[in-house]
């Protein structure tokens, strides 16, 4: 499902690179890429279909219900993101809460879906399923925030994408951008919006926008936001999980996602 969403996302964002190689739609064409992306959404169900005799009907119904709901959510989140960076909504007045809700649907969705299905299969009750899903959702959102940060400041990360500040070209309202628009003086706010609305690939203009964002401490603000989110999410499930090597690895994984450089 994640791979499918990446293929579709690259088409919708008109991305040129993915992991230091040309995006799939540039290699095989948009028609094949769309078909492959959509197919991957459903191929992920094959292990469940092949082993359905191992589960009772109630468990299967819960799993399919989670899958269906989250597939709707991920497309809702993507639709919101597209509307913002294409100017189809008032993107200049987006609040932090609205951004986090979009990320919850777009980026937190597949992590939440995976964790909730795993909890169902493990026989957890409804409350535990929701808590585990919320934790996974939160690290998914924090992952997106770190992506936003690296897009603006991670030179190594940028090598595998479309260059430093690719999100500026897309006109993306990321958390650092939203924070800047809320804190900047009128001159800087107007200039940042102007560059975002140009959808231009000129690196000098990208760098100018990034400097405005840095001026207001917005990258550091986003870093602290992601760290605090993961810390609070971990505290929410820590007592539920028995002490084990797996628990330690899960905690390390969660914190790695927000400290990574690529």
Protein backbone atom coordinates (compact mmCIF):
# COMPACT_ATOMS: atom_id res chain seq x y z
CA UNK A 1 0.00 0.00 0.00
CA UNK A 2 2.83 2.39 0.86
CA UNK A 3 4.58 1.74 -2.45
CA UNK A 4 1.31 2.27 -4.30
CA UNK A 5 0.70 5.57 -2.54
CA UNK A 6 4.24 6.74 -3.39
CA UNK A 7 3.74 6.02 -7.10
CA UNK A 8 0.45 7.94 -7.18
CA UNK A 9 1.84 10.74 -5.03
CA UNK A 10 4.80 11.26 -7.39
CA UNK A 11 2.41 11.61 -10.34
CA UNK A 12 0.14 14.06 -8.52
CA UNK A 13 3.10 16.13 -7.28
CA UNK A 14 4.85 15.93 -10.67
CA UNK A 15 7.98 14.69 -8.86
CA UNK A 16 10.95 13.89 -11.04
CA UNK A 17 12.94 11.67 -8.68
CA UNK A 18 12.37 9.04 -6.05
CA UNK A 19 15.25 7.54 -4.09
CA UNK A 20 17.87 9.02 -6.43
CA UNK A 21 16.26 7.52 -9.53
CA UNK A 22 13.64 8.80 -11.98
CA UNK A 23 10.10 8.53 -10.64
CA UNK A 24 8.22 5.51 -11.98
CA UNK A 25 5.86 7.51 -14.22
CA UNK A 26 8.85 9.03 -16.01
CA UNK A 27 10.26 5.58 -16.78
CA UNK A 28 7.08 3.73 -17.82
CA UNK A 29 4.54 6.50 -18.44
CA UNK A 30 1.68 7.79 -16.33
CA UNK A 31 -0.81 5.17 -17.54
CA UNK A 32 1.28 2.23 -16.36
CA UNK A 33 2.27 4.01 -13.15
CA UNK A 34 -1.35 4.79 -12.21
CA UNK A 35 -2.36 1.19 -12.89
CA UNK A 36 0.57 -0.19 -10.89
CA UNK A 37 -0.10 2.16 -7.97
CA UNK A 38 -3.76 1.20 -7.82
CA UNK A 39 -2.98 -2.51 -8.11
CA UNK A 40 -0.58 -2.33 -5.16
CA UNK A 41 -3.39 -1.08 -2.92
CA UNK A 42 -5.23 -4.36 -3.42
CA UNK A 43 -2.30 -6.75 -3.74
CA UNK A 44 -1.61 -5.98 -0.09
CA UNK A 45 -4.76 -7.95 0.76
CA UNK A 46 -3.47 -11.18 -0.79
CA UNK A 47 -1.88 -12.60 2.42
CA UNK A 48 -5.21 -12.13 4.19
CA UNK A 49 -7.21 -13.68 1.34
CA UNK A 50 -4.87 -16.68 1.14
CA UNK A 51 -5.10 -17.29 4.89
CA UNK A 52 -8.70 -16.31 5.60
CA UNK A 53 -9.56 -19.78 6.91
CA UNK A 54 -7.32 -19.03 9.91
CA UNK A 55 -9.63 -16.22 11.09
CA UNK A 56 -13.21 -16.16 12.30
CA UNK A 57 -15.76 -14.04 10.47
CA UNK A 58 -15.78 -11.28 13.13
CA UNK A 59 -12.01 -10.82 12.88
CA UNK A 60 -12.14 -10.72 9.09
CA UNK A 61 -14.96 -8.16 9.19
CA UNK A 62 -12.94 -5.94 11.56
CA UNK A 63 -9.90 -6.10 9.28
CA UNK A 64 -11.83 -5.30 6.11
CA UNK A 65 -13.63 -2.47 7.91
CA UNK A 66 -10.31 -0.92 9.01
CA UNK A 67 -8.86 -1.33 5.52
CA UNK A 68 -11.87 0.30 3.80
CA UNK A 69 -12.06 3.24 6.19
CA UNK A 70 -8.35 3.98 6.00
CA UNK A 71 -8.29 3.78 2.21
CA UNK A 72 -10.94 6.50 2.20
CA UNK A 73 -8.92 8.52 4.73
CA UNK A 74 -5.67 8.41 2.76
CA UNK A 75 -7.39 9.77 -0.34
CA UNK A 76 -9.10 12.46 1.72
CA UNK A 77 -5.73 13.51 3.13
CA UNK A 78 -4.16 13.61 -0.33
CA UNK A 79 -7.10 15.60 -1.70
CA UNK A 80 -6.66 18.17 1.07
CA UNK A 81 -2.92 18.47 0.40
CA UNK A 82 -3.52 18.90 -3.34
CA UNK A 83 -6.18 21.55 -2.73
CA UNK A 84 -3.78 23.54 -0.58
CA UNK A 85 -0.75 23.56 -2.85
CA UNK A 86 -2.84 24.15 -5.98
CA UNK A 87 -4.58 27.12 -4.43
CA UNK A 88 -8.03 25.49 -4.51
CA UNK A 89 -8.53 26.47 -0.87
CA UNK A 90 -7.34 29.39 1.24
CA UNK A 91 -3.91 27.86 1.80
CA UNK A 92 -2.44 30.97 3.39
CA UNK A 93 -4.63 30.67 6.49
CA UNK A 94 -4.11 26.98 7.23
CA UNK A 95 -3.79 26.33 10.95
CA UNK A 96 -1.39 23.89 12.56
CA UNK A 97 -4.31 21.72 13.68
CA UNK A 98 -5.64 21.55 10.11
CA UNK A 99 -2.21 20.54 8.86
CA UNK A 100 -1.92 17.79 11.48
CA UNK A 101 -5.38 16.50 10.54
CA UNK A 102 -4.31 16.35 6.89
CA UNK A 103 -1.16 14.42 7.88
CA UNK A 104 -3.24 12.11 10.06
CA UNK A 105 -5.19 11.10 6.97
CA UNK A 106 -2.42 11.19 4.39
CA UNK A 107 0.76 10.05 6.16
CA UNK A 108 -0.46 8.57 9.42
CA UNK A 109 -3.06 6.48 7.65
CA UNK A 110 -1.05 3.46 6.46
CA UNK A 111 0.90 3.24 9.71
CA UNK A 112 -2.36 3.41 11.66
CA UNK A 113 -3.99 0.82 9.41
CA UNK A 114 -1.07 -1.61 9.75
CA UNK A 115 -0.91 -1.30 13.52
CA UNK A 116 -4.66 -1.65 14.02
CA UNK A 117 -4.85 -4.75 11.84
CA UNK A 118 -1.92 -6.26 13.72
CA UNK A 119 -3.70 -5.52 17.00
CA UNK A 120 -6.90 -7.17 15.72
CA UNK A 121 -5.00 -10.29 14.67
CA UNK A 122 -3.29 -10.34 18.08
CA UNK A 123 -6.70 -10.44 19.77
CA UNK A 124 -6.57 -7.01 21.42
CA UNK A 125 -9.75 -5.29 22.60
CA UNK A 126 -11.20 -2.20 20.92
CA UNK A 127 -9.57 0.27 23.32
CA UNK A 128 -6.14 -1.29 22.84
CA UNK A 129 -6.60 -1.37 19.06
CA UNK A 130 -7.36 2.37 19.04
CA UNK A 131 -4.39 3.25 21.29
CA UNK A 132 -1.95 1.22 19.23
CA UNK A 133 -3.36 2.75 16.05
CA UNK A 134 -2.98 6.24 17.51
CA UNK A 135 0.67 5.61 18.33
CA UNK A 136 1.40 4.42 14.81
CA UNK A 137 -0.51 7.37 13.35
CA UNK A 138 1.56 9.79 15.43
CA UNK A 139 4.91 8.44 14.30
CA UNK A 140 3.58 8.59 10.74
CA UNK A 141 2.78 12.28 11.19
CA UNK A 142 6.15 12.91 12.82
CA UNK A 143 7.78 11.13 9.86
CA UNK A 144 6.01 13.57 7.51
CA UNK A 145 7.16 16.56 9.56
CA UNK A 146 10.74 15.28 9.39
CA UNK A 147 10.31 14.87 5.63
CA UNK A 148 9.19 18.51 5.45
CA UNK A 149 12.24 19.56 7.47
CA UNK A 150 14.69 17.56 5.37
CA UNK A 151 13.17 18.88 2.15
CA UNK A 152 14.14 22.38 3.27
CA UNK A 153 17.42 21.68 5.04
CA UNK A 154 18.70 18.15 4.32
CA UNK A 155 21.23 18.24 1.50
CA UNK A 156 21.69 14.44 1.49
CA UNK A 157 17.92 13.94 1.50
CA UNK A 158 17.51 16.40 -1.38
CA UNK A 159 19.82 14.35 -3.60
CA UNK A 160 17.18 11.61 -3.76
CA UNK A 161 14.37 14.03 -4.53
CA UNK A 162 14.10 17.03 -6.84
CA UNK A 163 16.70 19.14 -5.08
CA UNK A 164 16.63 21.21 -1.89
CA UNK A 165 13.26 22.88 -1.47
CA UNK A 166 11.27 20.76 -3.91
CA UNK A 167 8.27 21.41 -1.66
CA UNK A 168 8.66 25.12 -2.41
CA UNK A 169 8.21 24.40 -6.12
CA UNK A 170 5.07 22.42 -5.34
CA UNK A 171 3.75 25.32 -3.27
CA UNK A 172 3.40 22.92 -0.38
CA UNK A 173 2.07 24.23 2.93
CA UNK A 174 4.27 22.17 5.23
CA UNK A 175 4.49 22.76 8.98
CA UNK A 176 7.56 25.04 8.70
CA UNK A 177 5.76 27.10 6.03
CA UNK A 178 2.55 27.32 8.09
CA UNK A 179 4.52 28.42 11.15
CA UNK A 180 6.34 31.07 9.10
CA UNK A 181 3.10 32.42 7.63
CA UNK A 182 1.73 32.78 11.15
CA UNK A 183 4.83 34.51 12.56
CA UNK A 184 6.28 36.53 9.66
CA UNK A 185 5.91 40.24 9.11
CA UNK A 186 3.71 41.28 6.19
CA UNK A 187 6.63 41.81 3.80
CA UNK A 188 8.14 38.35 4.38
CA UNK A 189 4.74 36.66 4.40
CA UNK A 190 3.81 38.26 1.09
CA UNK A 191 7.12 37.29 -0.50
CA UNK A 192 6.96 33.69 0.71
CA UNK A 193 3.41 33.29 -0.62
CA UNK A 194 4.52 34.85 -3.91
CA UNK A 195 7.34 32.31 -4.35
CA UNK A 196 5.12 29.39 -3.30
CA UNK A 197 2.51 30.39 -5.86
CA UNK A 198 5.09 30.60 -8.68
CA UNK A 199 5.67 26.81 -8.67
CA UNK A 200 9.10 27.59 -10.08
CA UNK A 201 12.20 25.34 -10.05
CA UNK A 202 14.72 28.18 -9.84
CA UNK A 203 17.05 27.23 -6.97
CA UNK A 204 17.78 30.87 -6.08
CA UNK A 205 14.09 31.49 -5.44
CA UNK A 206 13.81 28.25 -3.49
CA UNK A 207 16.77 29.33 -1.35
CA UNK A 208 15.21 32.75 -0.79
CA UNK A 209 12.03 31.09 0.50
CA UNK A 210 14.04 28.76 2.73
CA UNK A 211 15.89 31.73 4.24
CA UNK A 212 12.59 33.39 5.11
CA UNK A 213 11.45 30.16 6.79
CA UNK A 214 14.72 29.88 8.74
CA UNK A 215 14.49 33.53 9.81
CA UNK A 216 11.45 32.74 11.97
CA UNK A 217 12.88 29.57 13.52
CA UNK A 218 10.23 27.50 11.79
CA UNK A 219 12.44 24.51 10.99
CA UNK A 220 13.54 24.21 14.62
CA UNK A 221 9.92 24.64 15.73
CA UNK A 222 8.87 21.73 13.49
CA UNK A 223 11.69 19.56 14.87
CA UNK A 224 10.57 20.14 18.45
CA UNK A 225 6.94 19.52 17.51
CA UNK A 226 7.80 16.12 15.99
CA UNK A 227 9.93 15.12 18.99
CA UNK A 228 7.22 16.04 21.48
CA UNK A 229 4.55 14.21 19.49
CA UNK A 230 6.56 10.98 19.48
CA UNK A 231 7.39 11.33 23.18
CA UNK A 232 3.73 11.76 24.12
CA UNK A 233 2.59 8.95 21.82
CA UNK A 234 5.12 6.54 23.30
CA UNK A 235 4.03 7.42 26.84
CA UNK A 236 0.47 6.56 25.78
CA UNK A 237 1.25 2.93 24.98
CA UNK A 238 4.41 2.18 26.98
CA UNK A 239 2.56 0.61 29.91
CA UNK A 240 0.45 -1.53 27.56
CA UNK A 241 3.46 -3.28 26.12
CA UNK A 242 5.33 -5.94 28.10
CA UNK A 243 9.08 -5.47 28.52
CA UNK A 244 10.84 -7.15 25.61
CA UNK A 245 13.45 -6.70 22.92
CA UNK A 246 10.64 -5.97 20.47
CA UNK A 247 9.39 -3.12 22.67
CA UNK A 248 12.87 -1.59 22.79
CA UNK A 249 13.20 -1.83 19.02
CA UNK A 250 9.80 -0.22 18.50
CA UNK A 251 10.79 2.72 20.69
CA UNK A 252 14.14 3.07 18.89
CA UNK A 253 12.37 2.95 15.52
CA UNK A 254 9.92 5.68 16.51
CA UNK A 255 12.70 8.03 17.56
CA UNK A 256 14.85 7.18 14.53
CA UNK A 257 12.07 8.36 12.19
CA UNK A 258 12.30 11.91 13.55
CA UNK A 259 16.09 12.10 13.82
CA UNK A 260 16.97 10.56 10.44
CA UNK A 261 18.97 12.52 7.86
CA UNK A 262 17.65 10.76 4.74
